[in-house]
């Protein structure tokens, strides 16, 4: 059964076997809410046990595909992005701060789910402080708030520029 596959996956130390069982559970399950929950469980496993942000994101996106109105996957991905400042830049300054833009995009999606809205708003409020300044953006060739910008690194998504107020 799908539940058995999840139990085996969570208790195995072998990442390849765990992934196989999570994928099996997602495939065997017919209830999309449960499939979404299994995908999120693996997203968290991928982040915490494998240290892979990109695999974690891909499973969170699977979860959102199974349950489109669920804010949890977007909250999770936003948090992944926000935590990537040191991975994508020196830890401070423009290259590290731009990760907040796609994080904000994800938290804004999460806000549409009443269950996730308070947590998403809390993250938005907290990370407004870490947005790049207008001056830092100008120094990097960005002249307009709202213009398109692609955040590189593992994130590799297009977003829109927001200046620290």
N, C-alpha and C. Protein backbone atom coordinates (compact mmCIF):
# COMPACT_ATOMS: atom_id res chain seq x y z
N UNK A 1 0.83 -1.20 0.00
CA UNK A 1 0.00 0.00 0.00
C UNK A 1 0.87 1.25 0.00
N UNK A 2 0.25 2.36 -0.29
CA UNK A 2 0.96 3.63 -0.33
C UNK A 2 1.53 3.99 1.05
N UNK A 3 0.74 3.76 2.09
CA UNK A 3 1.19 4.07 3.46
C UNK A 3 2.41 3.24 3.82
N UNK A 4 2.38 1.97 3.49
CA UNK A 4 3.51 1.08 3.77
C UNK A 4 4.77 1.60 3.06
N UNK A 5 4.61 2.02 1.82
CA UNK A 5 5.74 2.54 1.04
C UNK A 5 6.35 3.77 1.72
N UNK A 6 5.50 4.64 2.25
CA UNK A 6 5.98 5.84 2.95
C UNK A 6 6.73 5.46 4.22
N UNK A 7 6.19 4.53 4.99
CA UNK A 7 6.85 4.10 6.23
C UNK A 7 8.23 3.52 5.91
N UNK A 8 8.30 2.68 4.89
CA UNK A 8 9.59 2.11 4.48
C UNK A 8 10.54 3.22 4.06
N UNK A 9 10.03 4.15 3.27
CA UNK A 9 10.87 5.26 2.76
C UNK A 9 11.45 6.09 3.89
N UNK A 10 10.63 6.41 4.89
CA UNK A 10 11.10 7.26 5.98
C UNK A 10 12.08 6.54 6.90
N UNK A 11 12.03 5.22 6.90
CA UNK A 11 12.90 4.45 7.79
C UNK A 11 14.14 3.89 7.11
N UNK A 12 14.31 4.17 5.83
CA UNK A 12 15.49 3.66 5.14
C UNK A 12 16.57 4.74 5.15
N UNK A 13 17.81 4.31 5.27
CA UNK A 13 18.90 5.29 5.26
C UNK A 13 19.43 5.50 3.84
N UNK A 14 19.01 4.64 2.93
CA UNK A 14 19.45 4.73 1.54
C UNK A 14 18.55 5.67 0.76
N UNK A 15 19.12 6.78 0.31
CA UNK A 15 18.35 7.83 -0.37
C UNK A 15 17.66 7.32 -1.64
N UNK A 16 18.33 6.47 -2.39
CA UNK A 16 17.77 5.95 -3.64
C UNK A 16 16.53 5.12 -3.36
N UNK A 17 16.61 4.27 -2.34
CA UNK A 17 15.47 3.43 -1.95
C UNK A 17 14.33 4.30 -1.43
N UNK A 18 14.66 5.30 -0.62
CA UNK A 18 13.63 6.19 -0.08
C UNK A 18 12.88 6.87 -1.22
N UNK A 19 13.61 7.38 -2.20
CA UNK A 19 12.97 8.06 -3.33
C UNK A 19 12.08 7.10 -4.09
N UNK A 20 12.55 5.88 -4.30
CA UNK A 20 11.77 4.86 -5.02
C UNK A 20 10.44 4.61 -4.30
N UNK A 21 10.49 4.48 -2.98
CA UNK A 21 9.27 4.21 -2.22
C UNK A 21 8.33 5.41 -2.15
N UNK A 22 8.88 6.61 -2.04
CA UNK A 22 8.03 7.81 -2.07
C UNK A 22 7.34 7.91 -3.43
N UNK A 23 8.12 7.72 -4.51
CA UNK A 23 7.54 7.78 -5.85
C UNK A 23 6.45 6.72 -6.03
N UNK A 24 6.70 5.54 -5.47
CA UNK A 24 5.72 4.45 -5.54
C UNK A 24 4.44 4.84 -4.79
N UNK A 25 4.60 5.40 -3.60
CA UNK A 25 3.44 5.81 -2.80
C UNK A 25 2.62 6.86 -3.55
N UNK A 26 3.31 7.82 -4.16
CA UNK A 26 2.62 8.88 -4.92
C UNK A 26 1.88 8.28 -6.11
N UNK A 27 2.51 7.29 -6.74
CA UNK A 27 1.91 6.64 -7.91
C UNK A 27 0.70 5.77 -7.52
N UNK A 28 0.82 5.03 -6.42
CA UNK A 28 -0.24 4.10 -5.99
C UNK A 28 -1.47 4.82 -5.43
N UNK A 29 -1.23 5.95 -4.81
CA UNK A 29 -2.32 6.69 -4.16
C UNK A 29 -3.26 7.27 -5.22
N UNK A 30 -4.56 7.21 -4.95
CA UNK A 30 -5.53 7.77 -5.88
C UNK A 30 -6.09 9.11 -5.38
N UNK A 31 -5.98 9.36 -4.08
CA UNK A 31 -6.46 10.60 -3.48
C UNK A 31 -5.39 11.70 -3.66
N UNK A 32 -5.74 12.74 -4.41
CA UNK A 32 -4.76 13.80 -4.69
C UNK A 32 -4.28 14.55 -3.45
N UNK A 33 -5.13 14.67 -2.43
CA UNK A 33 -4.70 15.31 -1.19
C UNK A 33 -3.58 14.51 -0.53
N UNK A 34 -3.75 13.18 -0.52
CA UNK A 34 -2.72 12.31 0.07
C UNK A 34 -1.46 12.34 -0.80
N UNK A 35 -1.64 12.35 -2.11
CA UNK A 35 -0.49 12.42 -3.02
C UNK A 35 0.30 13.70 -2.76
N UNK A 36 -0.43 14.79 -2.57
CA UNK A 36 0.21 16.08 -2.27
C UNK A 36 1.00 16.00 -0.96
N UNK A 37 0.38 15.37 0.05
CA UNK A 37 1.06 15.22 1.35
C UNK A 37 2.32 14.37 1.23
N UNK A 38 2.26 13.29 0.44
CA UNK A 38 3.44 12.44 0.25
C UNK A 38 4.55 13.21 -0.47
N UNK A 39 4.17 13.98 -1.48
CA UNK A 39 5.16 14.77 -2.22
C UNK A 39 5.83 15.80 -1.29
N UNK A 40 5.03 16.42 -0.41
CA UNK A 40 5.61 17.38 0.54
C UNK A 40 6.52 16.69 1.56
N UNK A 41 6.12 15.49 1.98
CA UNK A 41 6.98 14.74 2.90
C UNK A 41 8.35 14.49 2.25
N UNK A 42 8.33 14.12 0.96
CA UNK A 42 9.61 13.87 0.29
C UNK A 42 10.36 15.18 0.06
N UNK A 43 9.67 16.27 -0.20
CA UNK A 43 10.33 17.57 -0.35
C UNK A 43 11.12 17.90 0.92
N UNK A 44 10.48 17.69 2.07
CA UNK A 44 11.14 17.96 3.36
C UNK A 44 12.30 16.99 3.59
N UNK A 45 12.10 15.73 3.20
CA UNK A 45 13.16 14.71 3.31
C UNK A 45 14.35 15.12 2.45
N UNK A 46 14.08 15.56 1.22
CA UNK A 46 15.14 15.95 0.29
C UNK A 46 15.94 17.13 0.84
N UNK A 47 15.25 18.07 1.46
CA UNK A 47 15.93 19.23 2.04
C UNK A 47 16.75 18.82 3.27
N UNK A 48 16.09 18.14 4.21
CA UNK A 48 16.72 17.84 5.50
C UNK A 48 17.74 16.70 5.45
N UNK A 49 17.42 15.65 4.73
CA UNK A 49 18.29 14.47 4.73
C UNK A 49 19.28 14.46 3.57
N UNK A 50 18.88 14.99 2.41
CA UNK A 50 19.75 14.97 1.24
C UNK A 50 20.46 16.30 1.03
N UNK A 51 19.92 17.34 1.64
CA UNK A 51 20.49 18.67 1.46
C UNK A 51 20.32 19.20 0.04
N UNK A 52 19.33 18.69 -0.67
CA UNK A 52 19.11 19.12 -2.06
C UNK A 52 17.92 20.05 -2.16
N UNK A 53 18.23 21.33 -2.39
CA UNK A 53 17.19 22.34 -2.54
C UNK A 53 16.38 22.12 -3.82
N UNK A 54 17.07 21.75 -4.91
CA UNK A 54 16.35 21.61 -6.19
C UNK A 54 15.41 20.40 -6.18
N UNK A 55 15.82 19.29 -5.57
CA UNK A 55 14.92 18.13 -5.47
C UNK A 55 13.75 18.48 -4.54
N UNK A 56 14.06 19.16 -3.45
CA UNK A 56 13.01 19.58 -2.51
C UNK A 56 11.98 20.44 -3.23
N UNK A 57 12.47 21.39 -4.03
CA UNK A 57 11.54 22.26 -4.77
C UNK A 57 10.72 21.45 -5.76
N UNK A 58 11.34 20.53 -6.48
CA UNK A 58 10.59 19.79 -7.50
C UNK A 58 9.45 18.97 -6.88
N UNK A 59 9.67 18.41 -5.70
CA UNK A 59 8.60 17.64 -5.03
C UNK A 59 7.54 18.57 -4.42
N UNK A 60 7.94 19.74 -3.96
CA UNK A 60 6.95 20.71 -3.48
C UNK A 60 6.07 21.17 -4.64
N UNK A 61 6.67 21.34 -5.81
CA UNK A 61 5.88 21.71 -6.99
C UNK A 61 4.94 20.58 -7.40
N UNK A 62 5.38 19.31 -7.24
CA UNK A 62 4.48 18.17 -7.50
C UNK A 62 3.30 18.25 -6.54
N UNK A 63 3.59 18.54 -5.28
CA UNK A 63 2.53 18.65 -4.27
C UNK A 63 1.52 19.72 -4.67
N UNK A 64 2.02 20.86 -5.16
CA UNK A 64 1.11 21.94 -5.55
C UNK A 64 0.32 21.57 -6.80
N UNK A 65 0.86 20.71 -7.64
CA UNK A 65 0.12 20.25 -8.82
C UNK A 65 -1.04 19.34 -8.41
N UNK A 66 -0.82 18.51 -7.38
CA UNK A 66 -1.88 17.62 -6.89
C UNK A 66 -2.96 18.39 -6.11
N UNK A 67 -2.55 19.47 -5.47
CA UNK A 67 -3.46 20.24 -4.60
C UNK A 67 -3.19 21.73 -4.83
N UNK A 68 -3.68 22.29 -5.95
CA UNK A 68 -3.31 23.64 -6.39
C UNK A 68 -3.60 24.79 -5.42
N UNK A 69 -4.61 24.66 -4.59
CA UNK A 69 -4.96 25.75 -3.68
C UNK A 69 -4.22 25.69 -2.35
N UNK A 70 -3.36 24.71 -2.19
CA UNK A 70 -2.63 24.48 -0.94
C UNK A 70 -1.43 25.42 -0.86
N UNK A 71 -1.34 26.20 0.18
CA UNK A 71 -0.26 27.17 0.32
C UNK A 71 1.05 26.60 0.83
N UNK A 72 0.99 25.46 1.51
CA UNK A 72 2.17 24.87 2.15
C UNK A 72 3.36 24.68 1.19
N UNK A 73 3.16 24.13 -0.02
CA UNK A 73 4.31 23.97 -0.92
C UNK A 73 4.96 25.31 -1.27
N UNK A 74 4.15 26.34 -1.47
CA UNK A 74 4.68 27.66 -1.83
C UNK A 74 5.42 28.30 -0.66
N UNK A 75 4.88 28.10 0.54
CA UNK A 75 5.54 28.59 1.76
C UNK A 75 6.92 27.92 1.87
N UNK A 76 6.95 26.62 1.66
CA UNK A 76 8.17 25.83 1.74
C UNK A 76 9.20 26.29 0.70
N UNK A 77 8.77 26.47 -0.55
CA UNK A 77 9.70 26.90 -1.61
C UNK A 77 10.20 28.31 -1.32
N UNK A 78 9.33 29.19 -0.87
CA UNK A 78 9.75 30.54 -0.49
C UNK A 78 10.84 30.50 0.57
N UNK A 79 10.68 29.62 1.55
CA UNK A 79 11.67 29.47 2.61
C UNK A 79 12.99 28.91 2.06
N UNK A 80 12.90 27.98 1.10
CA UNK A 80 14.11 27.46 0.46
C UNK A 80 14.87 28.59 -0.22
N UNK A 81 14.15 29.39 -0.99
CA UNK A 81 14.77 30.51 -1.70
C UNK A 81 15.41 31.49 -0.72
N UNK A 82 14.65 31.87 0.30
CA UNK A 82 15.13 32.86 1.27
C UNK A 82 16.39 32.38 1.99
N UNK A 83 16.50 31.08 2.20
CA UNK A 83 17.65 30.51 2.90
C UNK A 83 18.87 30.33 1.98
N UNK A 84 18.75 30.74 0.71
CA UNK A 84 19.81 30.51 -0.26
C UNK A 84 20.78 31.68 -0.45
N UNK A 85 20.67 32.71 0.36
CA UNK A 85 21.54 33.87 0.23
C UNK A 85 23.02 33.52 0.25
N UNK A 86 23.40 32.64 1.17
CA UNK A 86 24.81 32.24 1.28
C UNK A 86 25.23 31.27 0.17
N UNK A 87 24.27 30.52 -0.35
CA UNK A 87 24.57 29.57 -1.43
C UNK A 87 24.68 30.29 -2.78
N UNK A 88 23.99 31.41 -2.91
CA UNK A 88 23.91 32.10 -4.20
C UNK A 88 24.76 33.37 -4.27
N UNK A 89 25.33 33.76 -3.16
CA UNK A 89 26.16 34.96 -3.11
C UNK A 89 27.06 34.88 -1.89
N UNK A 90 27.69 35.99 -1.55
CA UNK A 90 28.62 35.98 -0.41
C UNK A 90 27.93 35.93 0.97
N UNK A 91 26.60 36.01 0.98
CA UNK A 91 25.87 35.98 2.25
C UNK A 91 25.28 37.33 2.59
N UNK A 92 25.90 38.39 2.06
CA UNK A 92 25.35 39.75 2.20
C UNK A 92 25.48 40.44 0.86
N UNK A 93 24.76 41.54 0.70
CA UNK A 93 24.85 42.30 -0.54
C UNK A 93 23.91 41.80 -1.61
N UNK A 94 23.95 42.48 -2.73
CA UNK A 94 22.99 42.29 -3.83
C UNK A 94 22.81 40.83 -4.25
N UNK A 95 23.91 40.12 -4.57
CA UNK A 95 23.81 38.75 -5.08
C UNK A 95 23.12 37.80 -4.09
N UNK A 96 23.27 38.07 -2.82
CA UNK A 96 22.59 37.26 -1.80
C UNK A 96 21.17 37.74 -1.55
N UNK A 97 20.93 39.05 -1.72
CA UNK A 97 19.61 39.60 -1.42
C UNK A 97 18.57 39.30 -2.50
N UNK A 98 19.00 39.11 -3.75
CA UNK A 98 18.02 38.89 -4.83
C UNK A 98 17.20 37.62 -4.63
N UNK A 99 17.68 36.68 -3.81
CA UNK A 99 16.91 35.45 -3.56
C UNK A 99 15.58 35.76 -2.88
N UNK A 100 15.49 36.92 -2.25
CA UNK A 100 14.25 37.31 -1.57
C UNK A 100 13.13 37.56 -2.59
N UNK A 101 13.47 38.03 -3.79
CA UNK A 101 12.43 38.31 -4.79
C UNK A 101 11.61 37.07 -5.15
N UNK A 102 12.24 35.96 -5.57
CA UNK A 102 11.41 34.79 -5.86
C UNK A 102 10.77 34.20 -4.59
N UNK A 103 11.42 34.39 -3.44
CA UNK A 103 10.80 33.94 -2.18
C UNK A 103 9.48 34.68 -1.97
N UNK A 104 9.50 36.00 -2.20
CA UNK A 104 8.29 36.81 -2.07
C UNK A 104 7.19 36.32 -3.03
N UNK A 105 7.59 35.96 -4.26
CA UNK A 105 6.62 35.43 -5.23
C UNK A 105 5.92 34.20 -4.66
N UNK A 106 6.69 33.31 -4.06
CA UNK A 106 6.13 32.07 -3.50
C UNK A 106 5.24 32.38 -2.30
N UNK A 107 5.69 33.27 -1.43
CA UNK A 107 4.87 33.59 -0.24
C UNK A 107 3.58 34.29 -0.64
N UNK A 108 3.63 35.08 -1.71
CA UNK A 108 2.39 35.71 -2.20
C UNK A 108 1.40 34.65 -2.69
N UNK A 109 1.91 33.60 -3.33
CA UNK A 109 1.02 32.49 -3.73
C UNK A 109 0.48 31.79 -2.50
N UNK A 110 1.33 31.57 -1.50
CA UNK A 110 0.92 30.88 -0.27
C UNK A 110 -0.15 31.66 0.47
N UNK A 111 -0.10 32.99 0.35
CA UNK A 111 -1.08 33.85 1.03
C UNK A 111 -2.50 33.63 0.55
N UNK A 112 -2.67 33.06 -0.64
CA UNK A 112 -4.01 32.82 -1.18
C UNK A 112 -4.74 31.70 -0.44
N UNK A 113 -3.98 30.86 0.27
CA UNK A 113 -4.55 29.78 1.08
C UNK A 113 -4.74 30.32 2.50
N UNK A 114 -6.01 30.42 2.97
CA UNK A 114 -6.25 30.97 4.31
C UNK A 114 -5.45 30.27 5.42
N UNK A 115 -5.16 28.97 5.25
CA UNK A 115 -4.39 28.25 6.28
C UNK A 115 -2.93 28.68 6.29
N UNK A 116 -2.39 29.01 5.15
CA UNK A 116 -0.97 29.40 5.05
C UNK A 116 -0.76 30.91 5.11
N UNK A 117 -1.82 31.67 4.92
CA UNK A 117 -1.71 33.13 4.83
C UNK A 117 -0.96 33.78 6.01
N UNK A 118 -1.26 33.43 7.27
CA UNK A 118 -0.55 34.10 8.37
C UNK A 118 0.96 33.85 8.34
N UNK A 119 1.37 32.62 8.08
CA UNK A 119 2.80 32.30 8.01
C UNK A 119 3.46 33.00 6.83
N UNK A 120 2.76 33.02 5.70
CA UNK A 120 3.29 33.66 4.50
C UNK A 120 3.46 35.16 4.74
N UNK A 121 2.47 35.80 5.35
CA UNK A 121 2.54 37.23 5.62
C UNK A 121 3.68 37.54 6.59
N UNK A 122 3.87 36.66 7.57
CA UNK A 122 4.95 36.83 8.54
C UNK A 122 6.31 36.81 7.83
N UNK A 123 6.48 35.88 6.87
CA UNK A 123 7.73 35.80 6.12
C UNK A 123 7.93 37.04 5.24
N UNK A 124 6.86 37.48 4.59
CA UNK A 124 6.93 38.68 3.74
C UNK A 124 7.37 39.88 4.59
N UNK A 125 6.75 40.05 5.74
CA UNK A 125 7.09 41.17 6.63
C UNK A 125 8.53 41.09 7.11
N UNK A 126 8.96 39.88 7.46
CA UNK A 126 10.32 39.67 7.97
C UNK A 126 11.37 39.96 6.88
N UNK A 127 11.13 39.48 5.67
CA UNK A 127 12.14 39.57 4.61
C UNK A 127 12.12 40.87 3.82
N UNK A 128 11.11 41.73 4.03
CA UNK A 128 11.11 43.06 3.41
C UNK A 128 12.40 43.79 3.78
N UNK A 129 12.86 43.51 4.98
CA UNK A 129 14.08 44.10 5.52
C UNK A 129 15.33 43.72 4.71
N UNK A 130 15.26 42.55 4.04
CA UNK A 130 16.43 42.02 3.33
C UNK A 130 16.39 42.25 1.82
N UNK A 131 15.40 43.02 1.36
CA UNK A 131 15.35 43.35 -0.06
C UNK A 131 16.54 44.26 -0.39
N UNK A 132 17.06 44.18 -1.63
CA UNK A 132 18.15 45.07 -2.01
C UNK A 132 17.66 46.53 -2.08
N UNK A 133 18.53 47.44 -1.74
CA UNK A 133 18.17 48.86 -1.79
C UNK A 133 18.13 49.32 -3.25
N UNK A 134 17.46 50.44 -3.47
CA UNK A 134 17.39 51.04 -4.80
C UNK A 134 18.81 51.30 -5.31
N UNK A 135 19.68 51.79 -4.43
CA UNK A 135 21.06 52.10 -4.79
C UNK A 135 21.82 50.83 -5.22
N UNK A 136 21.68 49.74 -4.44
CA UNK A 136 22.35 48.48 -4.79
C UNK A 136 21.85 47.96 -6.13
N UNK A 137 20.57 48.13 -6.38
CA UNK A 137 20.00 47.70 -7.67
C UNK A 137 20.59 48.54 -8.81
N UNK A 138 20.65 49.87 -8.61
CA UNK A 138 21.22 50.76 -9.64
C UNK A 138 22.67 50.37 -9.93
N UNK A 139 23.42 50.06 -8.88
CA UNK A 139 24.83 49.67 -9.04
C UNK A 139 24.95 48.36 -9.84
N UNK A 140 23.89 47.58 -9.84
CA UNK A 140 23.88 46.32 -10.59
C UNK A 140 23.14 46.44 -11.92
N UNK A 141 22.86 47.67 -12.33
CA UNK A 141 22.25 47.91 -13.63
C UNK A 141 20.74 47.80 -13.67
N UNK A 142 20.11 47.77 -12.52
CA UNK A 142 18.64 47.68 -12.46
C UNK A 142 18.09 49.06 -12.15
N UNK A 143 17.25 49.57 -13.04
CA UNK A 143 16.80 50.95 -12.89
C UNK A 143 15.34 51.08 -12.46
N UNK A 144 14.56 50.03 -12.66
CA UNK A 144 13.12 50.14 -12.38
C UNK A 144 12.61 49.07 -11.45
N UNK A 145 11.82 49.50 -10.48
CA UNK A 145 11.11 48.54 -9.65
C UNK A 145 10.07 47.86 -10.52
N UNK A 146 9.90 46.57 -10.35
CA UNK A 146 8.91 45.83 -11.14
C UNK A 146 9.47 45.22 -12.41
N UNK A 147 10.69 45.62 -12.82
CA UNK A 147 11.25 45.04 -14.04
C UNK A 147 11.59 43.57 -13.82
N UNK A 148 11.62 42.83 -14.92
CA UNK A 148 11.92 41.40 -14.84
C UNK A 148 13.39 41.19 -14.49
N UNK A 149 13.64 40.15 -13.73
CA UNK A 149 15.00 39.80 -13.33
C UNK A 149 15.06 38.30 -13.14
N UNK A 150 16.10 37.65 -13.66
CA UNK A 150 16.26 36.22 -13.45
C UNK A 150 17.28 35.99 -12.35
N UNK A 151 16.85 35.33 -11.31
CA UNK A 151 17.74 34.97 -10.21
C UNK A 151 18.43 33.67 -10.63
N UNK A 152 19.76 33.73 -10.66
CA UNK A 152 20.54 32.57 -11.11
C UNK A 152 20.70 31.55 -9.99
N UNK A 153 21.87 30.99 -9.87
CA UNK A 153 22.19 29.99 -8.85
C UNK A 153 21.28 28.77 -9.09
N UNK A 154 20.99 28.00 -8.09
CA UNK A 154 20.12 26.82 -8.27
C UNK A 154 18.68 27.24 -8.48
N UNK A 155 18.32 28.45 -8.08
CA UNK A 155 16.93 28.93 -8.15
C UNK A 155 16.50 29.08 -9.60
N UNK A 156 17.26 29.84 -10.38
CA UNK A 156 17.07 29.96 -11.82
C UNK A 156 15.62 30.23 -12.25
N UNK A 157 15.02 31.26 -11.67
CA UNK A 157 13.65 31.64 -12.03
C UNK A 157 13.58 33.13 -12.33
N UNK A 158 12.62 33.49 -13.14
CA UNK A 158 12.38 34.90 -13.45
C UNK A 158 11.42 35.46 -12.40
N UNK A 159 11.70 36.67 -11.98
CA UNK A 159 10.89 37.32 -10.95
C UNK A 159 10.81 38.81 -11.29
N UNK A 160 10.30 39.59 -10.36
CA UNK A 160 10.27 41.03 -10.59
C UNK A 160 11.02 41.73 -9.45
N UNK A 161 11.65 42.83 -9.81
CA UNK A 161 12.46 43.62 -8.89
C UNK A 161 11.58 44.34 -7.87
N UNK A 162 12.02 44.30 -6.62
CA UNK A 162 11.38 45.06 -5.54
C UNK A 162 12.49 45.75 -4.77
N UNK A 163 12.36 47.05 -4.53
CA UNK A 163 13.35 47.79 -3.76
C UNK A 163 12.98 47.77 -2.29
N UNK A 164 14.00 47.77 -1.45
CA UNK A 164 13.76 47.92 -0.02
C UNK A 164 13.18 49.31 0.20
N UNK A 165 12.08 49.37 0.94
CA UNK A 165 11.41 50.67 1.18
C UNK A 165 12.03 51.40 2.34
